[in-house]
Amino acid sequence: MTVSLLAGCSGGSQELDLGGREFTSTEVRGHSLVDGTSVRLTFDETAVSAQAGCNTIFGGASWGDGVLTSDGPLAMTMMGCDEDLAAQDQWLSDFLASEPSIALDGGTLVLGDDTEGITLTEVG
């Protein structure tokens, strides 16, 4: 599975400064999270990882010119999860693969739109 994220900024081709930053969800639109879980995205200089309650989705990535693109198929750990958590992991993987828009405003990261999306705040 290949995952690309659009990295749109109001300035057009401005690169998002995401390396070394971690975000956790404050709102999810278009999907109901399993009780007690959240979405967490972590970026380093050359990779992204995502968690939604059980497995971790991860892989090399680069961003610039308004797009975050994986360097190849993203991998996912294969922990034995409850059905609801496994379905949630698949939802997050599918959402990321849908190339959602992405915008950063200070410590708030928004992916997707008003219908299907995630609003996250920076951890730490």
N, C-alpha and C. Protein backbone atom coordinates (compact mmCIF):
# COMPACT_ATOMS: atom_id res chain seq x y z
N MET A 1 0.85 -1.16 0.00
CA MET A 1 0.00 0.00 0.00
C MET A 1 0.90 1.23 0.00
N THR A 2 0.63 2.17 -0.88
CA THR A 2 1.38 3.41 -0.97
C THR A 2 0.54 4.52 -0.38
N VAL A 3 1.14 5.37 0.43
CA VAL A 3 0.40 6.44 1.07
C VAL A 3 1.00 7.77 0.69
N SER A 4 0.18 8.68 0.25
CA SER A 4 0.58 10.05 -0.05
C SER A 4 -0.34 10.97 0.72
N LEU A 5 0.20 12.06 1.22
CA LEU A 5 -0.60 13.07 1.90
C LEU A 5 -0.35 14.38 1.21
N LEU A 6 -1.39 15.10 0.88
CA LEU A 6 -1.21 16.44 0.34
C LEU A 6 -0.81 17.35 1.49
N ALA A 7 0.18 18.17 1.26
CA ALA A 7 0.66 19.06 2.31
C ALA A 7 0.42 20.50 1.88
N GLY A 8 -0.82 20.90 1.89
CA GLY A 8 -1.17 22.22 1.39
C GLY A 8 -0.98 23.30 2.42
N CYS A 9 -0.36 24.39 2.01
CA CYS A 9 -0.21 25.57 2.83
C CYS A 9 -0.82 26.72 2.06
N SER A 10 -1.28 27.73 2.76
CA SER A 10 -1.88 28.85 2.05
C SER A 10 -0.88 29.55 1.16
N GLY A 11 0.42 29.37 1.38
CA GLY A 11 1.44 29.99 0.57
C GLY A 11 1.78 29.21 -0.68
N GLY A 12 1.15 28.07 -0.94
CA GLY A 12 1.41 27.32 -2.16
C GLY A 12 2.47 26.27 -1.97
N SER A 13 3.72 26.57 -2.36
CA SER A 13 4.74 25.52 -2.34
C SER A 13 5.59 25.55 -1.08
N GLN A 14 5.16 26.25 -0.06
CA GLN A 14 5.92 26.29 1.19
C GLN A 14 5.98 24.91 1.83
N GLU A 15 7.16 24.51 2.26
CA GLU A 15 7.33 23.20 2.89
C GLU A 15 6.88 23.24 4.34
N LEU A 16 6.14 22.22 4.76
CA LEU A 16 5.73 22.11 6.15
C LEU A 16 6.90 21.66 7.00
N ASP A 17 7.04 22.23 8.17
CA ASP A 17 8.10 21.86 9.11
C ASP A 17 7.55 20.81 10.07
N LEU A 18 7.58 19.54 9.66
CA LEU A 18 7.00 18.47 10.45
C LEU A 18 8.04 17.55 11.10
N GLY A 19 9.29 17.58 10.65
CA GLY A 19 10.32 16.69 11.17
C GLY A 19 10.49 16.83 12.67
N GLY A 20 10.48 15.70 13.38
CA GLY A 20 10.68 15.68 14.82
C GLY A 20 9.44 16.05 15.61
N ARG A 21 8.29 16.11 14.95
CA ARG A 21 7.06 16.52 15.63
C ARG A 21 6.08 15.36 15.73
N GLU A 22 5.28 15.38 16.81
CA GLU A 22 4.29 14.34 17.06
C GLU A 22 2.95 15.02 17.38
N PHE A 23 1.86 14.44 16.84
CA PHE A 23 0.53 15.03 16.98
C PHE A 23 -0.46 13.95 17.41
N THR A 24 -1.46 14.36 18.21
CA THR A 24 -2.52 13.43 18.60
C THR A 24 -3.87 14.06 18.29
N SER A 25 -4.82 13.23 17.93
CA SER A 25 -6.11 13.72 17.46
C SER A 25 -6.93 14.38 18.57
N THR A 26 -7.62 15.45 18.18
CA THR A 26 -8.59 16.11 19.05
C THR A 26 -9.99 16.00 18.45
N GLU A 27 -10.06 15.73 17.14
CA GLU A 27 -11.34 15.56 16.46
C GLU A 27 -11.14 14.66 15.24
N VAL A 28 -12.08 13.75 15.03
CA VAL A 28 -12.08 12.89 13.85
C VAL A 28 -13.44 13.03 13.19
N ARG A 29 -13.45 13.30 11.89
CA ARG A 29 -14.68 13.47 11.13
C ARG A 29 -14.82 12.33 10.13
N GLY A 30 -16.02 11.75 10.04
CA GLY A 30 -16.27 10.69 9.07
C GLY A 30 -15.96 9.29 9.58
N HIS A 31 -15.56 9.17 10.82
CA HIS A 31 -15.27 7.86 11.42
C HIS A 31 -15.39 8.00 12.94
N SER A 32 -15.99 7.03 13.59
CA SER A 32 -16.07 7.03 15.05
C SER A 32 -14.94 6.17 15.60
N LEU A 33 -14.06 6.79 16.39
CA LEU A 33 -12.96 6.03 16.98
C LEU A 33 -13.47 5.09 18.06
N VAL A 34 -12.78 3.98 18.23
CA VAL A 34 -13.06 3.05 19.32
C VAL A 34 -12.84 3.81 20.63
N ASP A 35 -13.74 3.62 21.58
CA ASP A 35 -13.63 4.30 22.87
C ASP A 35 -12.23 4.11 23.47
N GLY A 36 -11.68 5.21 23.98
CA GLY A 36 -10.38 5.15 24.64
C GLY A 36 -9.19 5.22 23.70
N THR A 37 -9.43 5.43 22.40
CA THR A 37 -8.32 5.49 21.44
C THR A 37 -8.24 6.87 20.81
N SER A 38 -7.13 7.13 20.16
CA SER A 38 -6.92 8.36 19.41
C SER A 38 -6.00 8.04 18.24
N VAL A 39 -5.86 8.99 17.35
CA VAL A 39 -4.92 8.86 16.24
C VAL A 39 -3.68 9.64 16.60
N ARG A 40 -2.52 9.04 16.38
CA ARG A 40 -1.25 9.70 16.66
C ARG A 40 -0.39 9.63 15.40
N LEU A 41 0.12 10.78 14.97
CA LEU A 41 1.03 10.85 13.84
C LEU A 41 2.37 11.38 14.33
N THR A 42 3.45 10.74 13.90
CA THR A 42 4.80 11.14 14.27
C THR A 42 5.62 11.29 13.00
N PHE A 43 6.34 12.40 12.91
CA PHE A 43 7.17 12.68 11.75
C PHE A 43 8.62 12.79 12.19
N ASP A 44 9.55 12.24 11.40
CA ASP A 44 10.95 12.59 11.58
C ASP A 44 11.40 13.20 10.26
N GLU A 45 12.67 13.40 10.08
CA GLU A 45 13.13 14.11 8.89
C GLU A 45 12.84 13.37 7.59
N THR A 46 12.71 12.03 7.65
CA THR A 46 12.54 11.25 6.42
C THR A 46 11.45 10.19 6.50
N ALA A 47 10.58 10.24 7.53
CA ALA A 47 9.58 9.19 7.70
C ALA A 47 8.36 9.70 8.45
N VAL A 48 7.29 8.93 8.35
CA VAL A 48 6.05 9.21 9.08
C VAL A 48 5.57 7.90 9.68
N SER A 49 4.95 7.97 10.86
CA SER A 49 4.29 6.80 11.43
C SER A 49 2.95 7.24 11.99
N ALA A 50 2.01 6.29 12.03
CA ALA A 50 0.66 6.57 12.49
C ALA A 50 0.17 5.42 13.35
N GLN A 51 -0.59 5.75 14.38
CA GLN A 51 -1.18 4.75 15.26
C GLN A 51 -2.63 5.15 15.53
N ALA A 52 -3.49 4.13 15.65
CA ALA A 52 -4.90 4.40 15.94
C ALA A 52 -5.45 3.40 16.95
N GLY A 53 -4.59 2.86 17.82
CA GLY A 53 -5.09 2.00 18.87
C GLY A 53 -4.49 0.62 18.96
N CYS A 54 -3.86 0.13 17.90
CA CYS A 54 -3.26 -1.20 17.97
C CYS A 54 -1.95 -1.25 17.19
N ASN A 55 -2.03 -1.33 15.88
CA ASN A 55 -0.83 -1.43 15.05
C ASN A 55 -0.23 -0.06 14.74
N THR A 56 1.01 -0.09 14.27
CA THR A 56 1.68 1.12 13.82
C THR A 56 1.88 1.02 12.31
N ILE A 57 1.51 2.09 11.61
CA ILE A 57 1.70 2.23 10.17
C ILE A 57 2.90 3.14 10.01
N PHE A 58 3.89 2.75 9.18
CA PHE A 58 5.11 3.55 9.11
C PHE A 58 5.84 3.37 7.79
N GLY A 59 6.69 4.33 7.49
CA GLY A 59 7.53 4.20 6.31
C GLY A 59 8.23 5.50 5.98
N GLY A 60 9.18 5.41 5.08
CA GLY A 60 9.90 6.58 4.62
C GLY A 60 8.97 7.54 3.91
N ALA A 61 9.22 8.82 4.10
CA ALA A 61 8.38 9.83 3.47
C ALA A 61 9.16 11.11 3.26
N SER A 62 8.70 11.91 2.34
CA SER A 62 9.26 13.23 2.12
C SER A 62 8.11 14.18 1.88
N TRP A 63 8.29 15.45 2.17
CA TRP A 63 7.23 16.42 1.93
C TRP A 63 7.85 17.70 1.42
N GLY A 64 7.14 18.35 0.60
CA GLY A 64 7.54 19.60 -0.02
C GLY A 64 6.63 19.86 -1.20
N ASP A 65 6.61 21.09 -1.65
CA ASP A 65 5.74 21.48 -2.76
C ASP A 65 4.29 21.08 -2.51
N GLY A 66 3.86 21.13 -1.23
CA GLY A 66 2.46 20.86 -0.91
C GLY A 66 2.06 19.42 -0.89
N VAL A 67 3.00 18.46 -0.96
CA VAL A 67 2.66 17.04 -0.98
C VAL A 67 3.60 16.27 -0.06
N LEU A 68 3.03 15.37 0.73
CA LEU A 68 3.82 14.43 1.51
C LEU A 68 3.66 13.07 0.84
N THR A 69 4.76 12.48 0.41
CA THR A 69 4.70 11.24 -0.34
C THR A 69 5.54 10.18 0.35
N SER A 70 5.01 8.98 0.48
CA SER A 70 5.80 7.89 1.04
C SER A 70 6.84 7.47 0.02
N ASP A 71 7.97 6.97 0.51
CA ASP A 71 9.05 6.53 -0.36
C ASP A 71 8.77 5.16 -0.99
N GLY A 72 7.67 4.56 -0.64
CA GLY A 72 7.25 3.25 -1.12
C GLY A 72 6.06 2.84 -0.28
N PRO A 73 5.66 1.59 -0.39
CA PRO A 73 4.53 1.13 0.42
C PRO A 73 4.84 1.30 1.92
N LEU A 74 3.85 1.79 2.65
CA LEU A 74 4.01 1.88 4.10
C LEU A 74 3.77 0.50 4.71
N ALA A 75 4.52 0.20 5.74
CA ALA A 75 4.38 -1.08 6.43
C ALA A 75 3.44 -0.92 7.62
N MET A 76 2.92 -2.03 8.10
CA MET A 76 2.09 -2.03 9.30
C MET A 76 2.48 -3.21 10.17
N THR A 77 2.63 -2.95 11.46
CA THR A 77 2.86 -4.07 12.38
C THR A 77 1.64 -4.97 12.33
N MET A 78 1.78 -6.19 12.78
CA MET A 78 0.69 -7.16 12.69
C MET A 78 0.35 -7.72 14.08
N MET A 79 0.06 -6.83 15.01
CA MET A 79 -0.33 -7.23 16.36
C MET A 79 -1.71 -7.88 16.30
N GLY A 80 -1.95 -8.80 17.22
CA GLY A 80 -3.28 -9.39 17.33
C GLY A 80 -4.19 -8.40 18.02
N CYS A 81 -5.12 -7.82 17.27
CA CYS A 81 -6.00 -6.77 17.79
C CYS A 81 -7.44 -7.25 17.81
N ASP A 82 -8.25 -6.63 18.67
CA ASP A 82 -9.69 -6.84 18.59
C ASP A 82 -10.15 -6.41 17.21
N GLU A 83 -11.26 -6.98 16.75
CA GLU A 83 -11.78 -6.65 15.42
C GLU A 83 -11.98 -5.16 15.23
N ASP A 84 -12.52 -4.48 16.25
CA ASP A 84 -12.78 -3.04 16.14
C ASP A 84 -11.49 -2.26 15.95
N LEU A 85 -10.43 -2.64 16.67
CA LEU A 85 -9.16 -1.94 16.53
C LEU A 85 -8.49 -2.24 15.20
N ALA A 86 -8.60 -3.49 14.74
CA ALA A 86 -8.04 -3.85 13.43
C ALA A 86 -8.76 -3.07 12.33
N ALA A 87 -10.07 -2.92 12.43
CA ALA A 87 -10.84 -2.15 11.45
C ALA A 87 -10.44 -0.68 11.50
N GLN A 88 -10.18 -0.18 12.70
CA GLN A 88 -9.76 1.21 12.84
C GLN A 88 -8.39 1.44 12.21
N ASP A 89 -7.47 0.50 12.40
CA ASP A 89 -6.16 0.59 11.74
C ASP A 89 -6.33 0.63 10.22
N GLN A 90 -7.22 -0.21 9.69
CA GLN A 90 -7.45 -0.24 8.25
C GLN A 90 -8.07 1.07 7.78
N TRP A 91 -9.01 1.61 8.57
CA TRP A 91 -9.59 2.92 8.23
C TRP A 91 -8.51 3.98 8.13
N LEU A 92 -7.59 4.03 9.13
CA LEU A 92 -6.53 5.04 9.12
C LEU A 92 -5.63 4.85 7.92
N SER A 93 -5.27 3.62 7.63
CA SER A 93 -4.43 3.33 6.47
C SER A 93 -5.12 3.79 5.18
N ASP A 94 -6.40 3.47 5.04
CA ASP A 94 -7.16 3.88 3.85
C ASP A 94 -7.27 5.40 3.77
N PHE A 95 -7.51 6.04 4.91
CA PHE A 95 -7.62 7.50 4.93
C PHE A 95 -6.32 8.14 4.48
N LEU A 96 -5.21 7.68 4.99
CA LEU A 96 -3.92 8.24 4.59
C LEU A 96 -3.64 7.99 3.11
N ALA A 97 -4.05 6.84 2.61
CA ALA A 97 -3.84 6.51 1.20
C ALA A 97 -4.73 7.33 0.28
N SER A 98 -5.76 7.99 0.82
CA SER A 98 -6.68 8.77 -0.01
C SER A 98 -6.13 10.15 -0.35
N GLU A 99 -4.90 10.43 0.05
CA GLU A 99 -4.24 11.71 -0.21
C GLU A 99 -5.03 12.88 0.35
N PRO A 100 -5.29 12.88 1.66
CA PRO A 100 -6.04 13.99 2.25
C PRO A 100 -5.24 15.28 2.22
N SER A 101 -5.93 16.40 2.21
CA SER A 101 -5.24 17.68 2.32
C SER A 101 -4.61 17.76 3.71
N ILE A 102 -3.58 18.58 3.84
CA ILE A 102 -2.92 18.73 5.13
C ILE A 102 -2.53 20.20 5.30
N ALA A 103 -2.79 20.73 6.49
CA ALA A 103 -2.45 22.12 6.79
C ALA A 103 -1.94 22.20 8.22
N LEU A 104 -0.94 23.01 8.43
CA LEU A 104 -0.34 23.19 9.74
C LEU A 104 -0.49 24.65 10.15
N ASP A 105 -1.06 24.87 11.34
CA ASP A 105 -1.20 26.21 11.89
C ASP A 105 -0.67 26.17 13.30
N GLY A 106 0.59 26.57 13.47
CA GLY A 106 1.22 26.49 14.79
C GLY A 106 1.34 25.05 15.22
N GLY A 107 0.66 24.69 16.31
CA GLY A 107 0.69 23.33 16.82
C GLY A 107 -0.52 22.50 16.43
N THR A 108 -1.32 23.00 15.47
CA THR A 108 -2.51 22.27 15.03
C THR A 108 -2.31 21.78 13.61
N LEU A 109 -2.50 20.48 13.41
CA LEU A 109 -2.37 19.84 12.11
C LEU A 109 -3.75 19.35 11.69
N VAL A 110 -4.19 19.70 10.49
CA VAL A 110 -5.50 19.29 10.00
C VAL A 110 -5.31 18.49 8.71
N LEU A 111 -5.85 17.28 8.69
CA LEU A 111 -5.84 16.44 7.51
C LEU A 111 -7.27 16.25 7.04
N GLY A 112 -7.48 16.23 5.74
CA GLY A 112 -8.79 15.97 5.19
C GLY A 112 -9.65 17.22 5.14
N ASP A 113 -10.97 16.99 5.18
CA ASP A 113 -11.92 18.09 5.04
C ASP A 113 -12.98 18.00 6.12
N ASP A 114 -14.07 18.76 5.95
CA ASP A 114 -15.14 18.79 6.95
C ASP A 114 -15.92 17.49 7.01
N THR A 115 -15.89 16.69 5.94
CA THR A 115 -16.63 15.44 5.88
C THR A 115 -15.83 14.28 6.44
N GLU A 116 -14.58 14.16 6.01
CA GLU A 116 -13.69 13.10 6.50
C GLU A 116 -12.33 13.70 6.76
N GLY A 117 -11.95 13.71 8.03
CA GLY A 117 -10.67 14.31 8.35
C GLY A 117 -10.30 14.12 9.81
N ILE A 118 -9.13 14.63 10.13
CA ILE A 118 -8.60 14.53 11.49
C ILE A 118 -7.96 15.87 11.84
N THR A 119 -8.29 16.39 13.01
CA THR A 119 -7.61 17.54 13.56
C THR A 119 -6.75 17.02 14.71
N LEU A 120 -5.47 17.41 14.69
CA LEU A 120 -4.52 16.93 15.70
C LEU A 120 -3.80 18.11 16.32
N THR A 121 -3.37 17.94 17.57
CA THR A 121 -2.55 18.96 18.21
C THR A 121 -1.19 18.35 18.55
N GLU A 122 -0.20 19.22 18.57
CA GLU A 122 1.16 18.77 18.82
C GLU A 122 1.32 18.30 20.26
N VAL A 123 2.04 17.19 20.43
CA VAL A 123 2.31 16.62 21.74
C VAL A 123 3.60 17.26 22.26
N GLY A 124 3.59 17.64 23.49
CA GLY A 124 4.81 18.18 24.13
C GLY A 124 4.97 19.60 23.88
